[in-house]
Amino acid sequence: QVQLVESGGGLVQAGGSLRLSCAASGRTFGSWPMAWFRQAPGKERELVAAISSGGTTYYADSVKGRFTSSRDNAKNTLYLQMNSLKPEDTAVYYCAARLTGGKPGEYDAWGQGTQVTVSS
């Protein structure tokens, strides 16, 4: 029923910027905690940023100060603005949602991911 679709990935040079979008279905989008995850080759999936239904954000230390997560509830869309990109940011980026009634600490809806590649 619920679908999340990421877009905006691509190839950029180090120091460049990129904005990812996650379009979500569902009329209760505004009540879902959301998050961005990424998985790089040979590494485990990691939490990049999280945002509450009220807009409170959390960032991993590796991206704090460079990435900004936001949401537009009227458009059912989650964003991740990525600035000062580094080669280490290269990964597949996924958005995730904790749907209404979901368990705290768990995400039960996931997008298919969008590739971000940062060249040296």
N, C-alpha and C. Protein backbone atom coordinates (compact mmCIF):
# COMPACT_ATOMS: atom_id res chain seq x y z
N GLN A 1 0.82 -1.20 0.00
CA GLN A 1 0.00 0.00 0.00
C GLN A 1 0.86 1.26 0.00
N VAL A 2 1.80 1.34 0.94
CA VAL A 2 2.68 2.49 1.05
C VAL A 2 3.90 2.29 0.17
N GLN A 3 4.22 3.31 -0.61
CA GLN A 3 5.40 3.27 -1.46
C GLN A 3 6.27 4.49 -1.22
N LEU A 4 7.57 4.27 -1.20
CA LEU A 4 8.55 5.34 -1.08
C LEU A 4 9.45 5.27 -2.30
N VAL A 5 9.63 6.38 -2.99
CA VAL A 5 10.42 6.41 -4.21
C VAL A 5 11.47 7.50 -4.10
N GLU A 6 12.74 7.10 -4.08
CA GLU A 6 13.84 8.05 -4.01
C GLU A 6 14.22 8.54 -5.40
N SER A 7 14.74 9.76 -5.46
CA SER A 7 15.24 10.31 -6.70
C SER A 7 16.29 11.36 -6.38
N GLY A 8 17.04 11.77 -7.39
CA GLY A 8 18.01 12.83 -7.23
C GLY A 8 19.45 12.39 -7.13
N GLY A 9 19.69 11.10 -7.12
CA GLY A 9 21.05 10.61 -7.06
C GLY A 9 21.78 10.85 -8.37
N GLY A 10 23.09 10.67 -8.34
CA GLY A 10 23.88 10.87 -9.53
C GLY A 10 25.35 10.91 -9.22
N LEU A 11 26.12 11.35 -10.21
CA LEU A 11 27.57 11.46 -10.09
C LEU A 11 27.97 12.91 -9.92
N VAL A 12 28.72 13.19 -8.86
CA VAL A 12 29.21 14.54 -8.61
C VAL A 12 30.66 14.48 -8.19
N GLN A 13 31.36 15.58 -8.35
CA GLN A 13 32.74 15.67 -7.90
C GLN A 13 32.78 16.04 -6.42
N ALA A 14 33.87 15.67 -5.77
CA ALA A 14 34.05 16.03 -4.38
C ALA A 14 33.88 17.53 -4.19
N GLY A 15 33.16 17.89 -3.14
CA GLY A 15 32.89 19.28 -2.87
C GLY A 15 31.57 19.77 -3.44
N GLY A 16 30.96 18.96 -4.28
CA GLY A 16 29.71 19.32 -4.89
C GLY A 16 28.51 19.06 -4.00
N SER A 17 27.34 19.35 -4.54
CA SER A 17 26.10 19.20 -3.79
C SER A 17 25.08 18.39 -4.58
N LEU A 18 24.17 17.81 -3.85
CA LEU A 18 23.11 17.01 -4.44
C LEU A 18 21.93 17.04 -3.49
N ARG A 19 20.72 17.02 -4.03
CA ARG A 19 19.54 16.95 -3.20
C ARG A 19 18.73 15.71 -3.56
N LEU A 20 18.51 14.86 -2.57
CA LEU A 20 17.71 13.67 -2.75
C LEU A 20 16.28 13.95 -2.32
N SER A 21 15.35 13.32 -3.01
CA SER A 21 13.94 13.42 -2.66
C SER A 21 13.37 12.04 -2.46
N CYS A 22 12.40 11.95 -1.60
CA CYS A 22 11.69 10.71 -1.36
C CYS A 22 10.20 11.01 -1.39
N ALA A 23 9.54 10.56 -2.44
CA ALA A 23 8.11 10.77 -2.58
C ALA A 23 7.36 9.61 -1.96
N ALA A 24 6.40 9.92 -1.11
CA ALA A 24 5.68 8.90 -0.37
C ALA A 24 4.20 8.94 -0.66
N SER A 25 3.60 7.78 -0.68
CA SER A 25 2.15 7.68 -0.74
C SER A 25 1.62 7.64 0.68
N GLY A 26 0.33 7.80 0.82
CA GLY A 26 -0.28 7.72 2.15
C GLY A 26 -0.76 9.07 2.66
N ARG A 27 -1.97 9.11 3.10
CA ARG A 27 -2.56 10.37 3.56
C ARG A 27 -2.11 10.77 4.96
N THR A 28 -1.45 9.88 5.68
CA THR A 28 -0.95 10.19 7.01
C THR A 28 0.56 10.39 7.03
N PHE A 29 1.14 10.77 5.89
CA PHE A 29 2.58 11.00 5.79
C PHE A 29 3.08 11.93 6.88
N GLY A 30 2.31 12.95 7.17
CA GLY A 30 2.72 13.94 8.15
C GLY A 30 2.92 13.41 9.56
N SER A 31 2.44 12.23 9.83
CA SER A 31 2.58 11.64 11.15
C SER A 31 3.70 10.61 11.23
N TRP A 32 4.36 10.34 10.11
CA TRP A 32 5.41 9.31 10.09
C TRP A 32 6.79 9.86 10.41
N PRO A 33 7.46 9.26 11.39
CA PRO A 33 8.90 9.53 11.49
C PRO A 33 9.58 8.98 10.24
N MET A 34 10.56 9.70 9.72
CA MET A 34 11.24 9.32 8.49
C MET A 34 12.75 9.29 8.72
N ALA A 35 13.44 8.62 7.82
CA ALA A 35 14.89 8.54 7.95
C ALA A 35 15.54 8.30 6.60
N TRP A 36 16.82 8.66 6.53
CA TRP A 36 17.67 8.34 5.40
C TRP A 36 18.75 7.38 5.87
N PHE A 37 18.94 6.32 5.12
CA PHE A 37 20.01 5.35 5.35
C PHE A 37 20.88 5.30 4.11
N ARG A 38 22.07 4.77 4.26
CA ARG A 38 22.92 4.53 3.10
C ARG A 38 23.72 3.26 3.30
N GLN A 39 24.10 2.67 2.18
CA GLN A 39 24.93 1.48 2.22
C GLN A 39 25.99 1.60 1.13
N ALA A 40 27.23 1.62 1.55
CA ALA A 40 28.36 1.69 0.64
C ALA A 40 28.88 0.28 0.36
N PRO A 41 29.58 0.10 -0.75
CA PRO A 41 30.13 -1.22 -1.06
C PRO A 41 31.01 -1.74 0.07
N GLY A 42 30.76 -2.97 0.49
CA GLY A 42 31.55 -3.58 1.53
C GLY A 42 31.25 -3.10 2.94
N LYS A 43 30.25 -2.28 3.10
CA LYS A 43 29.91 -1.75 4.42
C LYS A 43 28.46 -2.06 4.78
N GLU A 44 28.18 -2.01 6.06
CA GLU A 44 26.83 -2.22 6.54
C GLU A 44 25.98 -0.98 6.33
N ARG A 45 24.69 -1.18 6.25
CA ARG A 45 23.76 -0.06 6.15
C ARG A 45 23.87 0.80 7.40
N GLU A 46 23.86 2.11 7.22
CA GLU A 46 23.97 3.01 8.35
C GLU A 46 22.93 4.11 8.27
N LEU A 47 22.52 4.57 9.43
CA LEU A 47 21.58 5.68 9.52
C LEU A 47 22.32 6.97 9.24
N VAL A 48 21.81 7.76 8.32
CA VAL A 48 22.40 9.04 7.96
C VAL A 48 21.70 10.19 8.67
N ALA A 49 20.38 10.19 8.61
CA ALA A 49 19.59 11.26 9.20
C ALA A 49 18.21 10.74 9.52
N ALA A 50 17.61 11.32 10.53
CA ALA A 50 16.24 10.99 10.89
C ALA A 50 15.49 12.27 11.18
N ILE A 51 14.19 12.23 10.95
CA ILE A 51 13.37 13.41 11.19
C ILE A 51 12.02 12.97 11.74
N SER A 52 11.60 13.61 12.80
CA SER A 52 10.34 13.27 13.43
C SER A 52 9.18 13.89 12.68
N SER A 53 7.98 13.50 13.06
CA SER A 53 6.79 14.08 12.45
C SER A 53 6.73 15.59 12.68
N GLY A 54 7.34 16.05 13.77
CA GLY A 54 7.36 17.46 14.08
C GLY A 54 8.53 18.23 13.50
N GLY A 55 9.44 17.52 12.81
CA GLY A 55 10.55 18.19 12.16
C GLY A 55 11.86 18.16 12.93
N THR A 56 11.90 17.52 14.08
CA THR A 56 13.15 17.39 14.81
C THR A 56 14.09 16.45 14.08
N THR A 57 15.34 16.84 13.92
CA THR A 57 16.28 16.06 13.12
C THR A 57 17.43 15.49 13.93
N TYR A 58 17.99 14.42 13.41
CA TYR A 58 19.18 13.78 13.95
C TYR A 58 20.10 13.48 12.78
N TYR A 59 21.42 13.63 12.99
CA TYR A 59 22.38 13.34 11.95
C TYR A 59 23.53 12.50 12.49
N ALA A 60 24.00 11.61 11.66
CA ALA A 60 25.20 10.88 11.99
C ALA A 60 26.38 11.85 12.04
N ASP A 61 27.34 11.56 12.90
CA ASP A 61 28.50 12.44 13.04
C ASP A 61 29.23 12.66 11.72
N SER A 62 29.23 11.65 10.87
CA SER A 62 29.96 11.72 9.63
C SER A 62 29.38 12.72 8.63
N VAL A 63 28.13 13.10 8.82
CA VAL A 63 27.49 14.01 7.87
C VAL A 63 27.01 15.30 8.51
N LYS A 64 27.08 15.39 9.82
CA LYS A 64 26.58 16.57 10.52
C LYS A 64 27.33 17.82 10.06
N GLY A 65 26.56 18.85 9.75
CA GLY A 65 27.14 20.07 9.25
C GLY A 65 27.19 20.14 7.74
N ARG A 66 27.03 19.00 7.08
CA ARG A 66 27.05 18.95 5.62
C ARG A 66 25.71 18.57 5.01
N PHE A 67 24.97 17.71 5.71
CA PHE A 67 23.68 17.24 5.21
C PHE A 67 22.55 17.86 6.01
N THR A 68 21.43 18.10 5.34
CA THR A 68 20.25 18.63 6.00
C THR A 68 19.02 17.87 5.52
N SER A 69 18.27 17.33 6.46
CA SER A 69 17.04 16.64 6.13
C SER A 69 15.85 17.55 6.42
N SER A 70 14.85 17.47 5.57
CA SER A 70 13.65 18.26 5.76
C SER A 70 12.47 17.52 5.16
N ARG A 71 11.29 17.99 5.44
CA ARG A 71 10.10 17.35 4.89
C ARG A 71 9.06 18.39 4.53
N ASP A 72 8.31 18.10 3.49
CA ASP A 72 7.20 18.93 3.06
C ASP A 72 5.97 18.05 3.12
N ASN A 73 5.24 18.16 4.21
CA ASN A 73 4.10 17.28 4.41
C ASN A 73 2.98 17.52 3.40
N ALA A 74 2.87 18.74 2.90
CA ALA A 74 1.86 19.04 1.90
C ALA A 74 2.13 18.31 0.59
N LYS A 75 3.41 18.01 0.34
CA LYS A 75 3.81 17.31 -0.88
C LYS A 75 4.14 15.85 -0.64
N ASN A 76 3.98 15.39 0.59
CA ASN A 76 4.33 14.01 0.94
C ASN A 76 5.75 13.67 0.50
N THR A 77 6.67 14.57 0.78
CA THR A 77 8.04 14.41 0.29
C THR A 77 9.06 14.66 1.39
N LEU A 78 10.06 13.81 1.43
CA LEU A 78 11.21 13.93 2.32
C LEU A 78 12.41 14.33 1.48
N TYR A 79 13.27 15.18 2.02
CA TYR A 79 14.44 15.65 1.29
C TYR A 79 15.72 15.42 2.09
N LEU A 80 16.82 15.29 1.36
CA LEU A 80 18.13 15.27 1.97
C LEU A 80 19.05 16.14 1.12
N GLN A 81 19.38 17.31 1.63
CA GLN A 81 20.31 18.20 0.96
C GLN A 81 21.72 17.82 1.38
N MET A 82 22.55 17.49 0.43
CA MET A 82 23.91 17.05 0.70
C MET A 82 24.90 18.05 0.11
N ASN A 83 25.67 18.67 0.96
CA ASN A 83 26.67 19.64 0.54
C ASN A 83 28.07 19.15 0.90
N SER A 84 29.06 19.75 0.28
CA SER A 84 30.46 19.39 0.55
C SER A 84 30.67 17.89 0.49
N LEU A 85 30.18 17.28 -0.55
CA LEU A 85 30.23 15.83 -0.67
C LEU A 85 31.66 15.32 -0.76
N LYS A 86 31.86 14.17 -0.16
CA LYS A 86 33.15 13.51 -0.13
C LYS A 86 33.05 12.14 -0.80
N PRO A 87 34.16 11.62 -1.30
CA PRO A 87 34.11 10.27 -1.88
C PRO A 87 33.55 9.23 -0.91
N GLU A 88 33.78 9.43 0.37
CA GLU A 88 33.27 8.51 1.39
C GLU A 88 31.75 8.50 1.47
N ASP A 89 31.09 9.48 0.87
CA ASP A 89 29.63 9.54 0.86
C ASP A 89 29.03 8.65 -0.23
N THR A 90 29.87 8.10 -1.08
CA THR A 90 29.38 7.24 -2.15
C THR A 90 28.65 6.04 -1.56
N ALA A 91 27.41 5.86 -1.98
CA ALA A 91 26.58 4.78 -1.45
C ALA A 91 25.23 4.80 -2.15
N VAL A 92 24.47 3.76 -1.90
CA VAL A 92 23.07 3.78 -2.26
C VAL A 92 22.31 4.35 -1.08
N TYR A 93 21.51 5.36 -1.33
CA TYR A 93 20.76 6.03 -0.28
C TYR A 93 19.30 5.59 -0.31
N TYR A 94 18.79 5.27 0.85
CA TYR A 94 17.42 4.80 0.99
C TYR A 94 16.64 5.69 1.94
N CYS A 95 15.37 5.92 1.64
CA CYS A 95 14.51 6.56 2.62
C CYS A 95 13.65 5.49 3.27
N ALA A 96 13.25 5.76 4.49
CA ALA A 96 12.47 4.80 5.25
C ALA A 96 11.45 5.53 6.10
N ALA A 97 10.37 4.86 6.40
CA ALA A 97 9.30 5.45 7.20
C ALA A 97 8.83 4.50 8.28
N ARG A 98 8.44 5.07 9.38
CA ARG A 98 7.76 4.32 10.44
C ARG A 98 6.29 4.69 10.31
N LEU A 99 5.51 3.77 9.82
CA LEU A 99 4.11 4.04 9.53
C LEU A 99 3.30 4.17 10.81
N THR A 100 2.11 4.70 10.66
CA THR A 100 1.20 4.84 11.79
C THR A 100 1.00 3.48 12.46
N GLY A 101 1.24 3.44 13.76
CA GLY A 101 1.13 2.19 14.50
C GLY A 101 2.41 1.39 14.53
N GLY A 102 3.47 1.88 13.89
CA GLY A 102 4.74 1.18 13.88
C GLY A 102 5.43 1.20 15.23
N LYS A 103 6.36 0.27 15.40
CA LYS A 103 7.08 0.16 16.66
C LYS A 103 8.21 1.18 16.73
N PRO A 104 8.38 1.80 17.89
CA PRO A 104 9.50 2.74 18.06
C PRO A 104 10.83 2.07 17.75
N GLY A 105 11.70 2.78 17.04
CA GLY A 105 13.00 2.25 16.71
C GLY A 105 13.04 1.38 15.46
N GLU A 106 11.90 1.15 14.84
CA GLU A 106 11.83 0.32 13.65
C GLU A 106 11.24 1.09 12.48
N TYR A 107 11.69 0.74 11.28
CA TYR A 107 11.15 1.32 10.06
C TYR A 107 10.55 0.20 9.24
N ASP A 108 9.31 0.37 8.82
CA ASP A 108 8.60 -0.70 8.15
C ASP A 108 8.21 -0.40 6.71
N ALA A 109 8.69 0.69 6.16
CA ALA A 109 8.50 0.98 4.75
C ALA A 109 9.82 1.53 4.21
N TRP A 110 10.24 1.00 3.08
CA TRP A 110 11.54 1.37 2.49
C TRP A 110 11.42 1.63 1.01
N GLY A 111 12.22 2.58 0.54
CA GLY A 111 12.33 2.80 -0.89
C GLY A 111 13.34 1.86 -1.50
N GLN A 112 13.48 1.92 -2.81
CA GLN A 112 14.40 1.04 -3.53
C GLN A 112 15.82 1.58 -3.58
N GLY A 113 16.00 2.84 -3.25
CA GLY A 113 17.33 3.41 -3.19
C GLY A 113 17.70 4.20 -4.43
N THR A 114 18.62 5.14 -4.25
CA THR A 114 19.16 5.92 -5.34
C THR A 114 20.67 6.03 -5.16
N GLN A 115 21.41 5.82 -6.24
CA GLN A 115 22.87 5.79 -6.17
C GLN A 115 23.45 7.19 -6.15
N VAL A 116 24.34 7.41 -5.20
CA VAL A 116 25.12 8.64 -5.13
C VAL A 116 26.58 8.27 -5.27
N THR A 117 27.25 8.84 -6.25
CA THR A 117 28.66 8.57 -6.47
C THR A 117 29.43 9.89 -6.46
N VAL A 118 30.43 9.97 -5.60
CA VAL A 118 31.24 11.17 -5.47
C VAL A 118 32.66 10.84 -5.91
N SER A 119 33.11 11.50 -6.95
CA SER A 119 34.44 11.25 -7.49
C SER A 119 35.48 12.15 -6.85
N SER A 120 36.73 11.68 -6.84
CA SER A 120 37.81 12.45 -6.26
C SER A 120 38.25 13.57 -7.19
